[in-house]
Amino acid sequence: MIITRTPLRISFCGGGTDLPSFYRLEQGEVVSSALNKYVYITINRLSPYFENRILLKYSDSELVDSVEDIRHPIIREAMKLTGVIDSVEIASMADIPAGTGLGSSSTYAVGLLHALHAFKGEYVSAAQLAQEACEIEIERLHDPIGKQDQYIAAYGGFCHIRFNQDDSVYVDPIVCNAATRETLQDNLMIFYTGVTRRATDILRVQNDCTESKIEVLRKMKQLCGGLLDVVREGRSLNQFGDILHQSWLHKKTLVNAITNNSIDEYYEKAMNAGALGGKILGAGGGGFLLFYVEPQNQARVRRALVELQELPFRFEPQGSKVIYISDDI
């Protein structure tokens, strides 16, 4: 048996410039961090007492004879890519529901690939895991998504990620002192709107209008530089909140479905209660709201958003990892 643990993520700025429709025109960039919330994948050799050859357990279950019969597209393509196509049982668990803006689909793909490679006795780098996850989701399945989720899930940490026109990706850990990182974590709050949605529905529209929104996306990308300066210098950290706010104002103009009356109302309540900035996480339309709030105002923000569930979290320094290997694989 193999078990992998792969972190979910939050993205602070630059989202949308990791889409091929942008970075193939000019370099894209994002600032993201992995979270201590995870997707777990277990893979085990299937008992010969099962009549079928492949057993899958996720939000649904499948018992099939051939990889070609698998309905779950990421599992099917990951098994084909790695060559693990027979006599296996694969199960998954997650700390957070899918469709909530924390990159769960790509995190699942990275963790599954890691488990399949480990099942074969193969070591794979973070770069390979991210590249293969992108190949499955973007090239094989033609999902209208970007690359940041796969890379932050594979690498972990607090990173500046750049997406080049030739499809190469640079992942640079953000160097800042421990006190700055702790203060930043302490000043960030995440709340669940209770709404799940299909990110691909929003991203498909966003992909189609990239050229018409190119100036907005450039402004969103440029905010990454200012955010990096704030974190690296460790001074005036409250500017982090203002940058989140500017990013949100730009993001809302990309596609109508990114926000709605409920999200706007929650955002306004948090800002009136003392938040210095925030944004919806992921493609938008629901999921989690992120805010930068100084400690003295956090109780007021909690009261203002009392109908929403808060998500306690810390940054996760590690990416996808194998956390268990039995002796009988």
Protein backbone atom coordinates (compact mmCIF):
# COMPACT_ATOMS: atom_id res chain seq x y z
CA MET A 1 0.00 0.00 0.00
CA ILE A 2 1.11 3.55 -0.83
CA ILE A 3 -0.38 6.74 0.66
CA THR A 4 0.41 10.23 -0.65
CA ARG A 5 -0.45 13.57 0.90
CA THR A 6 -0.69 16.61 -1.38
CA PRO A 7 -1.48 20.17 -0.25
CA LEU A 8 -4.23 22.45 -1.46
CA ARG A 9 -3.36 26.08 -2.15
CA ILE A 10 -4.29 29.75 -1.95
CA SER A 11 -3.37 32.17 -4.73
CA PHE A 12 -2.70 35.79 -3.82
CA CYS A 13 -2.29 37.53 -7.17
CA GLY A 14 -1.65 36.93 -10.86
CA GLY A 15 -4.37 34.32 -11.32
CA GLY A 16 -5.45 34.10 -14.94
CA THR A 17 -1.96 34.77 -16.29
CA ASP A 18 -1.19 31.06 -15.79
CA LEU A 19 -3.66 30.21 -18.55
CA PRO A 20 -2.11 29.23 -21.91
CA SER A 21 -4.22 31.90 -23.60
CA PHE A 22 -2.15 34.50 -21.67
CA TYR A 23 1.34 33.07 -21.14
CA ARG A 24 1.74 32.08 -24.79
CA LEU A 25 1.40 35.78 -25.59
CA GLU A 26 3.69 36.96 -22.77
CA GLN A 27 5.09 35.60 -19.51
CA GLY A 28 2.56 35.05 -16.75
CA GLU A 29 3.23 34.97 -13.02
CA VAL A 30 1.47 34.26 -9.75
CA VAL A 31 2.23 34.32 -6.05
CA SER A 32 0.75 31.30 -4.27
CA SER A 33 1.15 29.25 -1.12
CA ALA A 34 0.39 25.67 -0.23
CA LEU A 35 -1.89 25.11 2.79
CA ASN A 36 -1.95 22.54 5.57
CA LYS A 37 -5.13 21.11 4.04
CA TYR A 38 -4.63 18.01 1.90
CA VAL A 39 -5.81 15.44 -0.58
CA TYR A 40 -4.82 11.87 0.37
CA ILE A 41 -4.48 9.09 -2.21
CA THR A 42 -4.19 5.42 -1.28
CA ILE A 43 -3.20 2.77 -3.81
CA ASN A 44 -3.09 -0.92 -3.01
CA ARG A 45 -2.67 -4.15 -4.93
CA LEU A 46 -6.18 -5.45 -5.59
CA SER A 47 -7.07 -8.72 -3.95
CA PRO A 48 -7.43 -11.63 -6.43
CA TYR A 49 -10.81 -12.39 -4.86
CA PHE A 50 -12.37 -9.49 -6.79
CA GLU A 51 -13.84 -10.51 -10.11
CA ASN A 52 -12.86 -7.19 -11.70
CA ARG A 53 -9.35 -5.82 -12.07
CA ILE A 54 -9.60 -2.18 -10.98
CA LEU A 55 -11.43 -0.82 -7.92
CA LEU A 56 -11.80 2.95 -7.49
CA LYS A 57 -13.26 4.86 -4.54
CA TYR A 58 -13.75 8.63 -4.65
CA SER A 59 -17.05 10.55 -4.38
CA ASP A 60 -18.34 7.62 -6.44
CA SER A 61 -17.03 4.07 -6.82
CA GLU A 62 -16.08 2.00 -9.84
CA LEU A 63 -15.24 -1.67 -10.30
CA VAL A 64 -14.06 -2.31 -13.86
CA ASP A 65 -12.01 -4.72 -15.92
CA SER A 66 -10.10 -2.25 -18.09
CA VAL A 67 -8.58 1.20 -17.67
CA GLU A 68 -10.54 2.24 -20.75
CA ASP A 69 -13.77 1.59 -18.85
CA ILE A 70 -12.92 4.09 -16.07
CA ARG A 71 -15.33 7.02 -15.94
CA HIS A 72 -13.17 9.32 -13.79
CA PRO A 73 -11.07 11.13 -16.43
CA ILE A 74 -8.05 12.04 -14.27
CA ILE A 75 -7.73 8.51 -12.86
CA ARG A 76 -8.06 6.97 -16.33
CA GLU A 77 -5.42 9.21 -17.90
CA ALA A 78 -3.02 9.00 -14.94
CA MET A 79 -3.11 5.21 -15.01
CA LYS A 80 -2.51 5.19 -18.76
CA LEU A 81 0.34 7.70 -18.46
CA THR A 82 2.13 5.76 -15.70
CA GLY A 83 1.38 2.29 -17.08
CA VAL A 84 -0.32 1.10 -13.87
CA ILE A 85 -3.39 -0.37 -15.54
CA ASP A 86 -4.27 -3.59 -13.74
CA SER A 87 -4.91 -5.19 -10.35
CA VAL A 88 -5.07 -2.00 -8.28
CA GLU A 89 -7.38 -0.40 -5.75
CA ILE A 90 -7.28 3.40 -5.53
CA ALA A 91 -9.08 5.50 -2.90
CA SER A 92 -9.03 9.18 -2.04
CA MET A 93 -9.92 11.48 0.84
CA ALA A 94 -9.74 15.26 1.18
CA ASP A 95 -9.85 17.83 3.97
CA ILE A 96 -11.89 20.26 1.83
CA PRO A 97 -14.71 19.63 -0.69
CA ALA A 98 -13.99 19.92 -4.41
CA GLY A 99 -15.16 22.98 -6.31
CA THR A 100 -14.24 25.47 -3.57
CA GLY A 101 -11.34 27.34 -5.16
CA LEU A 102 -8.37 25.70 -3.44
CA GLY A 103 -7.10 23.79 -6.48
CA SER A 104 -8.48 20.39 -5.50
CA SER A 105 -8.66 18.91 -9.02
CA SER A 106 -5.00 19.56 -9.80
CA THR A 107 -3.97 18.58 -6.28
CA TYR A 108 -5.77 15.28 -6.83
CA ALA A 109 -3.95 14.77 -10.14
CA VAL A 110 -0.53 15.45 -8.60
CA GLY A 111 -1.16 13.19 -5.59
CA LEU A 112 -2.51 10.37 -7.77
CA LEU A 113 0.46 10.51 -10.13
CA HIS A 114 2.81 10.47 -7.13
CA ALA A 115 1.07 7.38 -5.72
CA LEU A 116 1.11 5.55 -9.07
CA HIS A 117 4.80 6.22 -9.63
CA ALA A 118 5.63 5.14 -6.08
CA PHE A 119 3.58 1.96 -6.61
CA LYS A 120 5.93 1.16 -9.50
CA GLY A 121 8.95 1.89 -7.29
CA GLU A 122 9.78 5.08 -9.20
CA TYR A 123 11.07 8.35 -7.73
CA VAL A 124 9.66 11.43 -9.44
CA SER A 125 10.60 15.06 -8.94
CA ALA A 126 8.16 17.86 -8.17
CA ALA A 127 8.78 19.22 -11.66
CA GLN A 128 7.83 15.91 -13.29
CA LEU A 129 4.69 15.56 -11.18
CA ALA A 130 3.55 19.07 -12.09
CA GLN A 131 4.35 18.61 -15.78
CA GLU A 132 2.49 15.29 -15.97
CA ALA A 133 -0.53 16.71 -14.14
CA CYS A 134 -0.61 19.60 -16.64
CA GLU A 135 -0.31 17.14 -19.51
CA ILE A 136 -3.32 15.19 -18.24
CA GLU A 137 -5.60 18.11 -17.39
CA ILE A 138 -4.70 20.59 -20.13
CA GLU A 139 -3.43 18.52 -23.05
CA ARG A 140 -5.26 15.20 -22.76
CA LEU A 141 -8.52 16.30 -21.16
CA HIS A 142 -8.56 19.81 -22.65
CA ASP A 143 -9.70 21.43 -19.42
CA PRO A 144 -9.60 25.25 -19.75
CA ILE A 145 -7.38 25.68 -16.69
CA GLY A 146 -4.01 27.16 -15.83
CA LYS A 147 -0.80 25.69 -14.45
CA GLN A 148 -0.36 27.26 -11.04
CA ASP A 149 -2.33 24.65 -9.07
CA GLN A 150 -0.30 21.70 -10.33
CA TYR A 151 3.01 23.40 -9.55
CA ILE A 152 2.21 24.65 -6.06
CA ALA A 153 0.72 21.24 -5.17
CA ALA A 154 3.88 19.48 -6.34
CA TYR A 155 6.42 21.94 -4.87
CA GLY A 156 4.62 23.27 -1.79
CA GLY A 157 5.82 26.34 0.08
CA PHE A 158 5.24 30.04 -0.51
CA CYS A 159 6.28 30.62 -4.11
CA HIS A 160 6.60 33.04 -7.01
CA ILE A 161 5.77 31.02 -10.14
CA ARG A 162 6.40 32.22 -13.71
CA PHE A 163 4.88 30.73 -16.86
CA ASN A 164 6.90 31.14 -20.04
CA GLN A 165 5.85 31.31 -23.67
CA ASP A 166 7.71 28.06 -24.43
CA ASP A 167 5.59 26.27 -21.76
CA SER A 168 8.48 26.08 -19.28
CA VAL A 169 7.76 27.09 -15.68
CA TYR A 170 10.03 28.72 -13.08
CA VAL A 171 9.20 28.04 -9.42
CA ASP A 172 11.02 30.29 -6.94
CA PRO A 173 10.47 29.99 -3.19
CA ILE A 174 9.86 33.42 -1.66
CA VAL A 175 12.64 34.27 0.76
CA CYS A 176 11.46 36.24 3.79
CA ASN A 177 12.26 36.11 7.47
CA ALA A 178 10.30 33.84 9.79
CA ALA A 179 8.69 36.73 11.68
CA THR A 180 7.27 38.18 8.45
CA ARG A 181 5.87 34.80 7.40
CA GLU A 182 4.27 34.27 10.81
CA THR A 183 2.73 37.75 10.84
CA LEU A 184 1.35 37.23 7.34
CA GLN A 185 -0.21 33.89 8.30
CA ASP A 186 -1.68 35.42 11.46
CA ASN A 187 -3.22 38.30 9.49
CA LEU A 188 -4.92 36.16 6.84
CA MET A 189 -8.43 34.82 7.35
CA ILE A 190 -10.38 32.42 5.12
CA PHE A 191 -14.16 31.95 5.15
CA TYR A 192 -16.28 29.38 3.32
CA THR A 193 -19.25 30.77 1.39
CA GLY A 194 -20.91 27.34 1.38
CA VAL A 195 -21.15 27.36 -2.41
CA THR A 196 -19.35 24.89 -4.67
CA ARG A 197 -19.05 25.43 -8.42
CA ARG A 198 -17.34 24.08 -11.53
CA ALA A 199 -14.25 26.21 -12.10
CA THR A 200 -14.02 25.06 -15.71
CA ASP A 201 -17.32 26.77 -16.55
CA ILE A 202 -15.91 30.15 -15.51
CA LEU A 203 -12.39 29.54 -16.85
CA ARG A 204 -13.69 28.53 -20.27
CA VAL A 205 -15.31 31.95 -20.65
CA GLN A 206 -12.23 33.67 -19.22
CA ASN A 207 -9.99 31.82 -21.67
CA ASP A 208 -12.10 32.98 -24.57
CA CYS A 209 -11.87 36.64 -23.56
CA THR A 210 -8.16 36.78 -22.64
CA GLU A 211 -7.17 39.00 -25.55
CA SER A 212 -9.95 41.50 -24.86
CA LYS A 213 -8.94 41.60 -21.16
CA ILE A 214 -5.18 41.60 -21.71
CA GLU A 215 -4.61 44.99 -20.03
CA VAL A 216 -6.50 43.91 -16.91
CA LEU A 217 -4.48 40.70 -16.72
CA ARG A 218 -1.25 42.67 -17.10
CA LYS A 219 -2.22 44.86 -14.16
CA MET A 220 -2.99 41.74 -12.11
CA LYS A 221 0.41 40.31 -13.00
CA GLN A 222 2.19 43.55 -12.09
CA LEU A 223 0.74 43.35 -8.59
CA CYS A 224 2.92 40.28 -8.00
CA GLY A 225 6.04 42.47 -7.99
CA GLY A 226 4.61 44.80 -5.37
CA LEU A 227 3.50 41.91 -3.20
CA LEU A 228 6.95 40.31 -3.40
CA ASP A 229 8.59 43.59 -2.34
CA VAL A 230 6.28 43.86 0.68
CA VAL A 231 7.00 40.32 1.86
CA ARG A 232 10.74 40.35 1.19
CA GLU A 233 11.28 43.70 2.91
CA GLY A 234 9.04 42.72 5.83
CA ARG A 235 7.92 46.32 6.32
CA SER A 236 4.47 47.86 5.91
CA LEU A 237 2.95 44.39 5.67
CA ASN A 238 -0.49 45.97 5.67
CA GLN A 239 0.17 46.84 2.02
CA PHE A 240 -0.43 43.13 1.40
CA GLY A 241 -4.10 43.77 2.09
CA ASP A 242 -4.25 46.69 -0.31
CA ILE A 243 -2.67 44.57 -3.06
CA LEU A 244 -5.26 41.83 -2.48
CA HIS A 245 -7.98 44.45 -2.76
CA GLN A 246 -6.59 45.84 -6.02
CA SER A 247 -6.30 42.30 -7.39
CA TRP A 248 -9.93 41.62 -6.50
CA LEU A 249 -11.15 44.80 -8.17
CA HIS A 250 -9.36 43.77 -11.37
CA LYS A 251 -10.43 40.13 -11.16
CA LYS A 252 -14.12 41.04 -10.92
CA THR A 253 -13.98 42.71 -14.32
CA LEU A 254 -12.75 39.62 -16.18
CA VAL A 255 -15.95 37.52 -16.21
CA ASN A 256 -19.38 38.29 -14.78
CA ALA A 257 -19.65 34.89 -13.06
CA ILE A 258 -16.58 35.53 -10.87
CA THR A 259 -18.69 37.36 -8.32
CA ASN A 260 -22.34 37.72 -7.36
CA ASN A 261 -24.49 39.70 -4.95
CA SER A 262 -23.77 37.37 -2.02
CA ILE A 263 -20.01 37.45 -2.50
CA ASP A 264 -20.02 41.23 -2.89
CA GLU A 265 -22.09 41.57 0.27
CA TYR A 266 -19.74 39.36 2.30
CA TYR A 267 -16.75 41.28 0.97
CA GLU A 268 -18.27 44.64 1.88
CA LYS A 269 -19.16 43.43 5.38
CA ALA A 270 -15.58 42.27 5.98
CA MET A 271 -14.09 45.53 4.70
CA ASN A 272 -16.46 47.60 6.86
CA ALA A 273 -15.43 45.49 9.86
CA GLY A 274 -11.74 46.25 9.36
CA ALA A 275 -10.34 43.97 6.67
CA LEU A 276 -7.73 45.75 4.55
CA GLY A 277 -8.36 43.69 1.43
CA GLY A 278 -9.31 40.30 0.14
CA LYS A 279 -10.42 38.22 -2.81
CA ILE A 280 -12.35 35.12 -3.81
CA LEU A 281 -10.05 32.12 -4.10
CA GLY A 282 -9.89 30.22 -7.37
CA ALA A 283 -12.01 30.91 -10.40
CA GLY A 284 -14.80 32.60 -8.43
CA GLY A 285 -18.53 32.13 -8.14
CA GLY A 286 -18.30 30.57 -4.67
CA GLY A 287 -15.85 28.64 -2.55
CA PHE A 288 -13.62 30.50 -0.09
CA LEU A 289 -13.03 34.19 0.58
CA LEU A 290 -9.57 35.32 1.71
CA PHE A 291 -9.04 38.51 3.75
CA TYR A 292 -6.06 40.35 5.22
CA VAL A 293 -7.09 41.54 8.69
CA GLU A 294 -4.98 43.00 11.48
CA PRO A 295 -5.32 41.09 14.78
CA GLN A 296 -7.28 43.83 16.57
CA ASN A 297 -10.01 43.69 13.89
CA GLN A 298 -10.33 39.93 13.46
CA ALA A 299 -13.08 39.45 16.05
CA ARG A 300 -15.13 42.16 14.32
CA VAL A 301 -14.69 40.47 10.94
CA ARG A 302 -15.76 37.13 12.43
CA ARG A 303 -18.91 38.74 13.80
CA ALA A 304 -19.62 40.44 10.47
CA LEU A 305 -19.32 37.07 8.68
CA VAL A 306 -20.93 35.02 11.43
CA GLU A 307 -23.00 33.02 8.92
CA LEU A 308 -19.83 31.78 7.20
CA GLN A 309 -17.53 29.04 8.47
CA GLU A 310 -13.93 30.10 9.05
CA LEU A 311 -11.09 27.86 7.88
CA PRO A 312 -8.12 27.83 10.27
CA PHE A 313 -4.90 27.19 8.32
CA ARG A 314 -1.14 27.53 8.16
CA PHE A 315 1.22 27.65 5.20
CA GLU A 316 2.53 24.23 4.17
CA PRO A 317 6.27 24.19 3.36
CA GLN A 318 6.23 20.82 1.59
CA GLY A 319 4.62 19.70 -1.61
CA SER A 320 3.24 16.28 -2.49
CA LYS A 321 4.90 13.52 -0.49
CA VAL A 322 4.63 9.80 0.13
CA ILE A 323 3.66 9.40 3.78
CA TYR A 324 3.29 5.61 3.92
CA ILE A 325 4.76 2.61 2.10
CA SER A 326 3.94 -0.92 3.23
CA ASP A 327 6.48 -3.71 2.97
CA ASP A 328 4.44 -5.82 0.55
CA ILE A 329 4.13 -3.53 -2.50
